[in-house]
Amino acid sequence: MGDPKFEIQMLHDRVMVKVEQESEERRSTAGIVIPATVKMANRLVWGEVCGAGQNVRAVKVGDKVLFNPEDQYEVEVHGQIYLVMRERDLHAIATPQTDNGTGLYL
């Protein structure tokens, strides 16, 4: 008999996010190549919500969220890195249905 499997459930106001991997280099709007070795201060990144605690109100699993990846807790599950943070650490949500959107879409 194999080892039992345990489902991960987030607690309270915690959110588990899978970070979207960036390509090795970026391009500015003017077409200038920015190498991956260049770090931009306070750069926010997008990720996908993979789990949400029972007290999370604004996001759900599958939403894309914008956040600062610095100073977040990392956890590795089956070789994939996830970040765990409080809901209040999220800056924006990208979801198909919204009432208070910006008119910008991913």
C-alpha atoms as a PDB file:
ATOM      1  CA  MET A   1       0.000   0.000   0.000  1.00  0.00           C
ATOM      2  CA  GLY A   2       1.358   3.436  -0.979  1.00  0.00           C
ATOM      3  CA  ASP A   3       1.740   6.484   1.174  1.00  0.00           C
ATOM      4  CA  PRO A   4      -1.516   8.379   1.820  1.00  0.00           C
ATOM      5  CA  LYS A   5      -1.939  11.652  -0.090  1.00  0.00           C
ATOM      6  CA  PHE A   6      -2.738  14.817   1.793  1.00  0.00           C
ATOM      7  CA  GLU A   7      -4.564  17.717   0.143  1.00  0.00           C
ATOM      8  CA  ILE A   8      -3.149  21.144   0.948  1.00  0.00           C
ATOM      9  CA  GLN A   9      -5.714  23.585   2.348  1.00  0.00           C
ATOM     10  CA  MET A  10      -4.850  27.209   2.991  1.00  0.00           C
ATOM     11  CA  LEU A  11      -5.884  28.670   6.344  1.00  0.00           C
ATOM     12  CA  HIS A  12      -7.472  31.979   7.325  1.00  0.00           C
ATOM     13  CA  ASP A  13      -6.566  34.821   4.906  1.00  0.00           C
ATOM     14  CA  ARG A  14      -3.664  33.026   3.209  1.00  0.00           C
ATOM     15  CA  VAL A  15      -3.362  32.632  -0.561  1.00  0.00           C
ATOM     16  CA  MET A  16      -1.107  30.181  -2.428  1.00  0.00           C
ATOM     17  CA  VAL A  17       0.134  31.537  -5.764  1.00  0.00           C
ATOM     18  CA  LYS A  18       2.027  29.901  -8.615  1.00  0.00           C
ATOM     19  CA  VAL A  19       4.306  32.540 -10.132  1.00  0.00           C
ATOM     20  CA  GLU A  20       4.165  32.921 -13.901  1.00  0.00           C
ATOM     21  CA  GLN A  21       7.638  32.292 -15.271  1.00  0.00           C
ATOM     22  CA  GLU A  22       9.139  35.172 -17.196  1.00  0.00           C
ATOM     23  CA  SER A  23      11.222  34.615 -20.269  1.00  0.00           C
ATOM     24  CA  GLU A  24      14.958  35.079 -19.907  1.00  0.00           C
ATOM     25  CA  GLU A  25      14.815  38.608 -21.287  1.00  0.00           C
ATOM     26  CA  ARG A  26      12.253  41.369 -21.662  1.00  0.00           C
ATOM     27  CA  ARG A  27      11.724  44.097 -24.211  1.00  0.00           C
ATOM     28  CA  SER A  28      10.831  47.672 -23.428  1.00  0.00           C
ATOM     29  CA  THR A  29       8.024  49.354 -25.353  1.00  0.00           C
ATOM     30  CA  ALA A  30      10.733  50.942 -27.518  1.00  0.00           C
ATOM     31  CA  GLY A  31      12.107  47.477 -28.376  1.00  0.00           C
ATOM     32  CA  ILE A  32      15.221  47.621 -26.194  1.00  0.00           C
ATOM     33  CA  VAL A  33      16.218  44.170 -24.901  1.00  0.00           C
ATOM     34  CA  ILE A  34      16.482  44.004 -21.093  1.00  0.00           C
ATOM     35  CA  PRO A  35      18.569  40.980 -19.986  1.00  0.00           C
ATOM     36  CA  ALA A  36      17.292  38.701 -17.226  1.00  0.00           C
ATOM     37  CA  THR A  37      20.268  39.692 -15.071  1.00  0.00           C
ATOM     38  CA  VAL A  38      18.909  43.243 -14.742  1.00  0.00           C
ATOM     39  CA  LYS A  39      16.849  43.566 -11.576  1.00  0.00           C
ATOM     40  CA  MET A  40      14.179  46.223 -11.436  1.00  0.00           C
ATOM     41  CA  ALA A  41      13.413  47.664  -8.010  1.00  0.00           C
ATOM     42  CA  ASN A  42       9.946  46.915  -6.658  1.00  0.00           C
ATOM     43  CA  ARG A  43       8.806  45.026  -9.754  1.00  0.00           C
ATOM     44  CA  LEU A  44       5.382  43.431  -9.319  1.00  0.00           C
ATOM     45  CA  VAL A  45       4.649  40.075 -10.961  1.00  0.00           C
ATOM     46  CA  TRP A  46       1.551  38.116 -11.998  1.00  0.00           C
ATOM     47  CA  GLY A  47       0.691  34.698 -10.640  1.00  0.00           C
ATOM     48  CA  GLU A  48      -2.220  32.281 -10.528  1.00  0.00           C
ATOM     49  CA  VAL A  49      -4.132  31.553  -7.317  1.00  0.00           C
ATOM     50  CA  CYS A  50      -3.885  27.823  -6.534  1.00  0.00           C
ATOM     51  CA  GLY A  51      -5.448  27.908  -3.075  1.00  0.00           C
ATOM     52  CA  ALA A  52      -7.274  30.318  -0.783  1.00  0.00           C
ATOM     53  CA  GLY A  53      -8.163  30.164   2.907  1.00  0.00           C
ATOM     54  CA  GLN A  54     -11.718  30.385   4.219  1.00  0.00           C
ATOM     55  CA  ASN A  55     -11.369  34.083   5.169  1.00  0.00           C
ATOM     56  CA  VAL A  56     -10.184  35.203   1.719  1.00  0.00           C
ATOM     57  CA  ARG A  57     -12.902  37.397   0.230  1.00  0.00           C
ATOM     58  CA  ALA A  58     -11.718  38.941  -3.042  1.00  0.00           C
ATOM     59  CA  VAL A  59      -9.936  36.150  -4.929  1.00  0.00           C
ATOM     60  CA  LYS A  60     -10.667  32.561  -5.871  1.00  0.00           C
ATOM     61  CA  VAL A  61      -8.689  29.662  -7.307  1.00  0.00           C
ATOM     62  CA  GLY A  62      -7.817  30.350 -10.944  1.00  0.00           C
ATOM     63  CA  ASP A  63      -7.694  34.160 -10.660  1.00  0.00           C
ATOM     64  CA  LYS A  64      -4.532  35.944 -11.761  1.00  0.00           C
ATOM     65  CA  VAL A  65      -3.126  38.276  -9.121  1.00  0.00           C
ATOM     66  CA  LEU A  66      -0.483  41.005  -9.056  1.00  0.00           C
ATOM     67  CA  PHE A  67       1.918  41.082  -6.118  1.00  0.00           C
ATOM     68  CA  ASN A  68       5.467  41.815  -4.956  1.00  0.00           C
ATOM     69  CA  PRO A  69       7.382  38.502  -4.896  1.00  0.00           C
ATOM     70  CA  GLU A  70       9.987  39.788  -2.437  1.00  0.00           C
ATOM     71  CA  ASP A  71       9.591  38.846   1.243  1.00  0.00           C
ATOM     72  CA  GLN A  72       6.970  36.137   0.556  1.00  0.00           C
ATOM     73  CA  TYR A  73       7.125  32.590   1.854  1.00  0.00           C
ATOM     74  CA  GLU A  74       8.147  29.943  -0.680  1.00  0.00           C
ATOM     75  CA  VAL A  75       7.038  26.329  -0.628  1.00  0.00           C
ATOM     76  CA  GLU A  76       7.969  23.566  -3.070  1.00  0.00           C
ATOM     77  CA  VAL A  77       5.374  20.922  -3.952  1.00  0.00           C
ATOM     78  CA  HIS A  78       6.278  18.207  -6.481  1.00  0.00           C
ATOM     79  CA  GLY A  79       9.110  20.325  -7.901  1.00  0.00           C
ATOM     80  CA  GLN A  80       6.920  23.433  -8.432  1.00  0.00           C
ATOM     81  CA  ILE A  81       7.584  26.601  -6.394  1.00  0.00           C
ATOM     82  CA  TYR A  82       4.574  28.366  -4.874  1.00  0.00           C
ATOM     83  CA  LEU A  83       4.397  31.537  -2.796  1.00  0.00           C
ATOM     84  CA  VAL A  84       2.192  31.876   0.282  1.00  0.00           C
ATOM     85  CA  MET A  85       1.002  35.326   1.303  1.00  0.00           C
ATOM     86  CA  ARG A  86      -1.815  37.196   2.974  1.00  0.00           C
ATOM     87  CA  GLU A  87      -4.673  38.414   0.814  1.00  0.00           C
ATOM     88  CA  ARG A  88      -3.822  42.009   1.779  1.00  0.00           C
ATOM     89  CA  ASP A  89      -0.421  41.605   0.035  1.00  0.00           C
ATOM     90  CA  LEU A  90      -2.167  41.378  -3.354  1.00  0.00           C
ATOM     91  CA  HIS A  91      -2.288  44.552  -5.452  1.00  0.00           C
ATOM     92  CA  ALA A  92      -4.700  43.586  -8.263  1.00  0.00           C
ATOM     93  CA  ILE A  93      -6.838  40.727  -9.571  1.00  0.00           C
ATOM     94  CA  ALA A  94      -7.407  39.733 -13.189  1.00  0.00           C
ATOM     95  CA  THR A  95     -10.639  37.764 -13.509  1.00  0.00           C
ATOM     96  CA  PRO A  96     -13.128  37.249 -16.364  1.00  0.00           C
ATOM     97  CA  GLN A  97     -15.991  38.846 -14.403  1.00  0.00           C
ATOM     98  CA  THR A  98     -15.564  42.100 -12.517  1.00  0.00           C
ATOM     99  CA  ASP A  99     -17.617  45.023 -11.271  1.00  0.00           C
ATOM    100  CA  ASN A 100     -14.817  47.526 -10.642  1.00  0.00           C
ATOM    101  CA  GLY A 101     -12.374  46.957 -13.506  1.00  0.00           C
ATOM    102  CA  THR A 102      -9.835  49.267 -15.098  1.00  0.00           C
ATOM    103  CA  GLY A 103     -10.749  48.427 -18.699  1.00  0.00           C
ATOM    104  CA  LEU A 104      -7.315  46.818 -19.183  1.00  0.00           C
ATOM    105  CA  TYR A 105      -7.083  43.102 -19.960  1.00  0.00           C
ATOM    106  CA  LEU A 106      -4.276  40.509 -19.882  1.00  0.00           C
END
